[in-house]
N, C-alpha and C. Protein backbone atom coordinates (compact mmCIF):
# COMPACT_ATOMS: atom_id res chain seq x y z
N MET A 1 4.54 23.17 -8.84
CA MET A 1 3.64 23.14 -8.74
C MET A 1 3.34 22.37 -7.39
N PRO A 2 2.10 24.13 -6.20
CA PRO A 2 1.19 23.42 -4.55
C PRO A 2 1.62 22.22 -4.13
N HIS A 3 1.57 21.97 -3.07
CA HIS A 3 1.47 20.91 -2.42
C HIS A 3 0.32 21.95 -1.43
N SER A 4 -0.29 20.16 -0.58
CA SER A 4 -1.51 21.74 0.64
C SER A 4 -0.02 21.44 1.64
N THR A 5 -1.19 21.91 2.66
CA THR A 5 -1.33 21.87 4.02
C THR A 5 -1.08 21.67 4.70
N THR A 6 -2.52 21.25 4.72
CA THR A 6 -3.71 19.90 4.89
C THR A 6 -3.07 18.57 4.93
N LEU A 7 -3.45 17.83 6.19
CA LEU A 7 -2.56 16.63 6.60
C LEU A 7 -3.86 15.71 6.20
N SER A 8 -3.77 14.83 5.07
CA SER A 8 -4.51 14.13 4.96
C SER A 8 -4.86 13.31 5.35
N ILE A 9 -5.55 11.84 4.42
CA ILE A 9 -6.47 10.89 5.27
C ILE A 9 -5.02 10.16 6.67
N PRO A 10 -5.49 10.46 7.58
CA PRO A 10 -5.22 9.01 9.06
C PRO A 10 -4.94 7.94 8.61
N ALA A 11 -4.01 7.39 8.78
CA ALA A 11 -3.52 6.07 8.51
C ALA A 11 -4.10 4.80 9.39
N ALA A 12 -5.33 5.08 10.04
CA ALA A 12 -5.74 4.84 10.54
C ALA A 12 -7.62 4.60 9.35
N THR A 13 -7.80 5.33 9.06
CA THR A 13 -9.14 5.46 8.00
C THR A 13 -7.86 5.12 6.31
N ILE A 14 -7.20 5.27 6.27
CA ILE A 14 -6.88 4.32 5.27
C ILE A 14 -6.79 2.63 5.86
N THR A 15 -6.52 2.31 6.08
CA THR A 15 -6.86 0.77 7.92
C THR A 15 -8.16 0.51 7.21
N LEU A 16 -8.84 1.19 7.32
CA LEU A 16 -10.26 0.68 7.01
C LEU A 16 -10.75 0.64 5.86
N LEU A 17 -10.15 1.80 4.70
CA LEU A 17 -10.74 1.42 3.80
C LEU A 17 -10.33 0.54 2.80
N ASP A 18 -8.26 0.29 2.88
CA ASP A 18 -8.41 -1.06 2.23
C ASP A 18 -8.56 -2.31 3.02
N GLU A 19 -9.22 -2.96 2.29
CA GLU A 19 -9.76 -4.10 2.63
C GLU A 19 -8.93 -4.61 3.24
N LYS A 20 -7.80 -5.04 3.09
CA LYS A 20 -6.36 -6.09 3.25
C LYS A 20 -6.09 -5.77 4.86
N LEU A 21 -6.05 -4.82 5.04
CA LEU A 21 -5.66 -4.48 6.63
C LEU A 21 -7.03 -4.98 7.49
N THR A 22 -6.64 -5.48 8.42
CA THR A 22 -8.38 -5.44 9.99
C THR A 22 -7.10 -4.49 10.89
N ASP A 23 -8.51 -4.96 11.89
CA ASP A 23 -7.74 -3.98 13.37
C ASP A 23 -7.07 -5.15 14.03
N ALA A 24 -5.96 -5.17 13.82
CA ALA A 24 -5.14 -5.90 14.33
C ALA A 24 -5.03 -5.98 15.85
N ASP A 25 -4.19 -7.01 16.76
CA ASP A 25 -4.21 -7.47 18.48
C ASP A 25 -3.29 -7.12 17.62
N ALA A 26 -2.60 -7.13 18.96
CA ALA A 26 -0.80 -7.42 19.00
C ALA A 26 -0.43 -7.94 18.83
N ASP A 27 -0.51 -8.98 18.06
CA ASP A 27 0.52 -10.13 17.72
C ASP A 27 0.40 -10.33 15.64
N THR A 28 -0.09 -9.64 15.54
CA THR A 28 -1.13 -9.24 13.97
C THR A 28 0.65 -9.01 13.71
N PRO A 29 1.76 -8.14 13.47
CA PRO A 29 2.54 -8.48 12.80
C PRO A 29 3.91 -9.22 12.68
N ALA A 30 3.57 -9.86 14.03
CA ALA A 30 4.93 -10.76 13.93
C ALA A 30 3.96 -11.93 13.02
N ARG A 31 2.97 -11.92 13.28
CA ARG A 31 1.71 -13.32 12.53
C ARG A 31 2.40 -13.53 10.93
N PHE A 32 1.98 -11.62 10.23
CA PHE A 32 2.49 -11.92 8.35
C PHE A 32 4.15 -12.00 8.12
N LEU A 33 4.83 -11.51 9.08
CA LEU A 33 6.08 -11.49 9.24
C LEU A 33 6.79 -13.12 9.25
N HIS A 34 5.85 -13.88 9.46
CA HIS A 34 6.55 -15.41 10.00
C HIS A 34 5.65 -16.34 9.14
N ASP A 35 4.07 -15.16 8.43
CA ASP A 35 3.87 -16.37 7.34
C ASP A 35 4.18 -16.19 5.89
N HIS A 36 4.73 -17.82 5.67
CA HIS A 36 5.48 -18.31 4.22
C HIS A 36 3.93 -18.60 3.17
N GLY A 37 3.25 -18.33 3.73
CA GLY A 37 2.10 -18.18 2.36
C GLY A 37 0.85 -16.74 2.31
N ILE A 38 2.10 -16.11 2.93
CA ILE A 38 0.87 -14.83 2.63
C ILE A 38 0.75 -14.14 1.24
N THR A 39 0.06 -13.62 0.69
CA THR A 39 0.23 -13.17 -0.72
C THR A 39 0.35 -11.54 -0.65
N ALA A 40 0.71 -11.25 -2.39
CA ALA A 40 0.19 -9.63 -1.98
C ALA A 40 -0.51 -9.28 -1.82
N GLU A 41 -2.22 -9.42 -2.18
CA GLU A 41 -3.38 -9.51 -1.81
C GLU A 41 -3.69 -9.59 -0.25
N THR A 42 -3.42 -10.33 0.82
CA THR A 42 -2.91 -10.57 2.05
C THR A 42 -2.62 -9.32 2.90
N LEU A 43 -1.11 -8.89 2.09
CA LEU A 43 -0.12 -8.15 2.78
C LEU A 43 -0.38 -6.99 3.38
N PRO A 44 0.05 -6.20 4.33
CA PRO A 44 -0.05 -5.07 4.56
C PRO A 44 0.51 -3.82 3.35
N PHE A 45 -0.04 -2.81 2.22
CA PHE A 45 0.41 -2.05 1.69
C PHE A 45 1.51 -1.56 1.23
N TRP A 46 2.03 -1.76 2.81
CA TRP A 46 3.69 -1.02 2.83
C TRP A 46 4.52 -2.32 2.55
N LEU A 47 4.18 -3.67 2.55
CA LEU A 47 5.12 -4.28 2.77
C LEU A 47 5.39 -5.12 0.77
N VAL A 48 3.84 -4.59 -0.10
CA VAL A 48 4.07 -5.07 -0.80
C VAL A 48 5.19 -5.03 -1.98
N ASN A 49 5.97 -6.06 -2.32
CA ASN A 49 6.68 -5.55 -3.78
C ASN A 49 7.99 -5.29 -2.56
N VAL A 50 8.19 -5.63 -1.26
CA VAL A 50 9.60 -5.35 -0.83
C VAL A 50 9.86 -6.67 0.08
N PRO A 51 11.33 -7.24 -0.52
CA PRO A 51 11.76 -8.39 0.42
C PRO A 51 11.74 -8.96 1.50
N ARG A 52 11.35 -10.21 1.65
CA ARG A 52 10.55 -10.27 3.21
C ARG A 52 11.93 -9.77 3.81
N SER A 53 12.75 -9.47 3.52
CA SER A 53 14.51 -9.68 4.22
C SER A 53 13.72 -8.55 4.91
N GLN A 54 13.19 -7.41 4.02
CA GLN A 54 13.15 -5.88 4.77
C GLN A 54 12.00 -5.62 5.16
N TRP A 55 11.54 -6.72 5.63
CA TRP A 55 9.76 -6.35 6.27
C TRP A 55 9.81 -5.53 7.55
N THR A 56 9.32 -4.82 7.52
CA THR A 56 8.55 -4.14 8.75
C THR A 56 6.86 -4.79 9.75
N SER A 57 7.35 -4.38 11.43
CA SER A 57 6.05 -4.78 11.38
C SER A 57 4.78 -3.76 11.62
N GLU A 58 5.37 -2.80 11.49
CA GLU A 58 4.77 -1.62 11.28
C GLU A 58 5.09 -0.74 10.26
N CYS A 59 3.70 0.00 9.52
CA CYS A 59 4.08 1.26 8.09
C CYS A 59 4.75 1.84 9.12
N PRO A 60 6.05 2.18 7.92
CA PRO A 60 7.07 3.17 8.36
C PRO A 60 6.46 5.12 8.27
N ALA A 61 7.49 5.85 8.96
CA ALA A 61 6.78 6.92 9.33
C ALA A 61 6.09 7.21 7.58
N PHE A 62 7.06 7.18 7.03
CA PHE A 62 6.98 8.14 5.84
C PHE A 62 5.90 7.59 3.89
N LEU A 63 5.43 6.85 5.27
CA LEU A 63 4.16 6.06 4.40
C LEU A 63 3.05 6.21 4.70
N ARG A 64 2.88 6.65 6.75
CA ARG A 64 1.92 7.03 6.71
C ARG A 64 0.93 8.34 6.31
N ASP A 65 -0.32 8.47 6.35
CA ASP A 65 -1.13 9.04 6.05
C ASP A 65 -1.37 9.64 4.42
N GLN A 66 -0.94 8.70 4.12
CA GLN A 66 -1.14 8.24 2.43
C GLN A 66 -1.92 8.59 1.70
N PRO A 67 -2.38 9.30 0.84
CA PRO A 67 -4.02 9.43 0.31
C PRO A 67 -4.42 7.79 0.43
N PRO A 68 -5.64 7.39 0.00
CA PRO A 68 -6.13 6.56 -0.45
C PRO A 68 -5.96 5.91 -2.29
N LYS A 69 -5.66 7.14 -3.32
CA LYS A 69 -4.77 6.69 -4.76
C LYS A 69 -3.31 6.17 -4.43
N ASN A 70 -2.14 7.08 -3.08
CA ASN A 70 -0.96 6.55 -3.10
C ASN A 70 -1.61 4.64 -2.37
N VAL A 71 -1.78 4.57 -1.55
CA VAL A 71 -2.01 3.37 -0.83
C VAL A 71 -2.75 2.46 -1.95
N GLN A 72 -3.34 2.76 -2.84
CA GLN A 72 -3.44 1.82 -4.04
C GLN A 72 -2.94 1.26 -5.02
N CYS A 73 -2.15 2.45 -5.14
CA CYS A 73 -1.02 2.55 -5.96
C CYS A 73 0.64 1.63 -4.80
N LEU A 74 1.00 1.40 -3.94
CA LEU A 74 2.02 0.30 -3.88
C LEU A 74 1.47 -0.64 -2.82
N ALA A 75 0.02 -0.55 -3.15
CA ALA A 75 -0.78 -1.56 -2.61
C ALA A 75 -0.84 -3.08 -4.01
N THR A 76 -0.03 -2.38 -5.09
CA THR A 76 -0.06 -3.68 -6.56
C THR A 76 1.16 -3.79 -7.02
N PRO A 77 1.07 -5.09 -6.80
CA PRO A 77 2.34 -6.00 -6.93
C PRO A 77 2.88 -5.74 -8.88
N ASP A 78 3.75 -5.38 -9.22
CA ASP A 78 4.42 -5.39 -9.47
C ASP A 78 4.20 -6.64 -10.70
N SER A 79 3.90 -7.69 -10.71
CA SER A 79 3.57 -8.10 -11.29
C SER A 79 2.20 -8.06 -12.33
N HIS A 80 1.48 -7.07 -11.89
CA HIS A 80 0.47 -6.63 -12.07
C HIS A 80 0.22 -4.93 -13.01
N TYR A 81 1.68 -5.04 -12.89
CA TYR A 81 2.24 -3.50 -13.86
C TYR A 81 1.52 -3.77 -15.49
N ARG A 82 1.53 -3.17 -15.96
CA ARG A 82 1.28 -3.00 -17.74
C ARG A 82 2.08 -1.53 -18.08
N ARG A 83 2.66 -1.91 -18.60
CA ARG A 83 3.29 -0.58 -19.59
C ARG A 83 1.90 -0.11 -20.16
N GLN A 84 1.68 1.59 -20.26
CA GLN A 84 0.52 1.59 -20.66
C GLN A 84 1.41 2.08 -22.63
N SER A 85 0.85 1.81 -23.68
CA SER A 85 0.66 2.43 -25.21
C SER A 85 0.49 3.76 -24.76
N TRP A 86 1.21 4.48 -25.86
CA TRP A 86 1.19 5.65 -26.15
C TRP A 86 0.10 6.06 -26.88
N GLU A 87 -1.48 5.25 -27.61
CA GLU A 87 -2.56 5.03 -27.55
C GLU A 87 -3.44 4.70 -26.54
N GLU A 88 -3.34 4.75 -25.68
CA GLU A 88 -3.72 4.28 -23.71
C GLU A 88 -3.59 6.19 -23.58
N VAL A 89 -2.24 6.39 -23.53
CA VAL A 89 -1.83 7.35 -22.53
C VAL A 89 -2.49 8.50 -23.10
N GLN A 90 -3.19 9.02 -24.42
CA GLN A 90 -3.62 10.49 -25.05
C GLN A 90 -4.75 9.83 -24.76
N GLU A 91 -5.40 8.87 -25.03
CA GLU A 91 -6.84 8.55 -24.61
C GLU A 91 -6.94 8.99 -22.90
N ILE A 92 -6.49 8.91 -22.86
CA ILE A 92 -6.72 8.98 -20.78
C ILE A 92 -6.36 10.70 -20.52
N THR A 93 -5.28 11.21 -21.60
CA THR A 93 -4.97 13.04 -21.19
C THR A 93 -5.73 13.38 -21.69
N SER A 94 -6.81 12.98 -23.13
CA SER A 94 -7.30 13.61 -23.76
C SER A 94 -8.79 14.47 -22.77
C-alpha cells in the first residue's frame, strides 16, 4: 500500500479542528494533569484511554500531525466503541 510522502495537517490545525482543545496558556498542561474531574470529552485526544499515571503534558511526537480522522479515532473513549455486525460491515463496504 503506497504511503504519502507529503506532510499531513499540522498539530496546530488539528488543535483548531478538535473542539476539546483550546489555545492553551503555559499552565494548562499542569492543570489537566491534576484535575480529577476531567472527562474523556474534555481531555486532549492523546490522553483518552490512557491511564492517568501515563499522562503527558504534551502530545507525543508520534501522535503529532495526524489527519483529523485519526484524531477522531484516538479521541473516542473505549466505552463508546461498539463492534460492528457482519451485516453492518457488508453494508458499509458495498
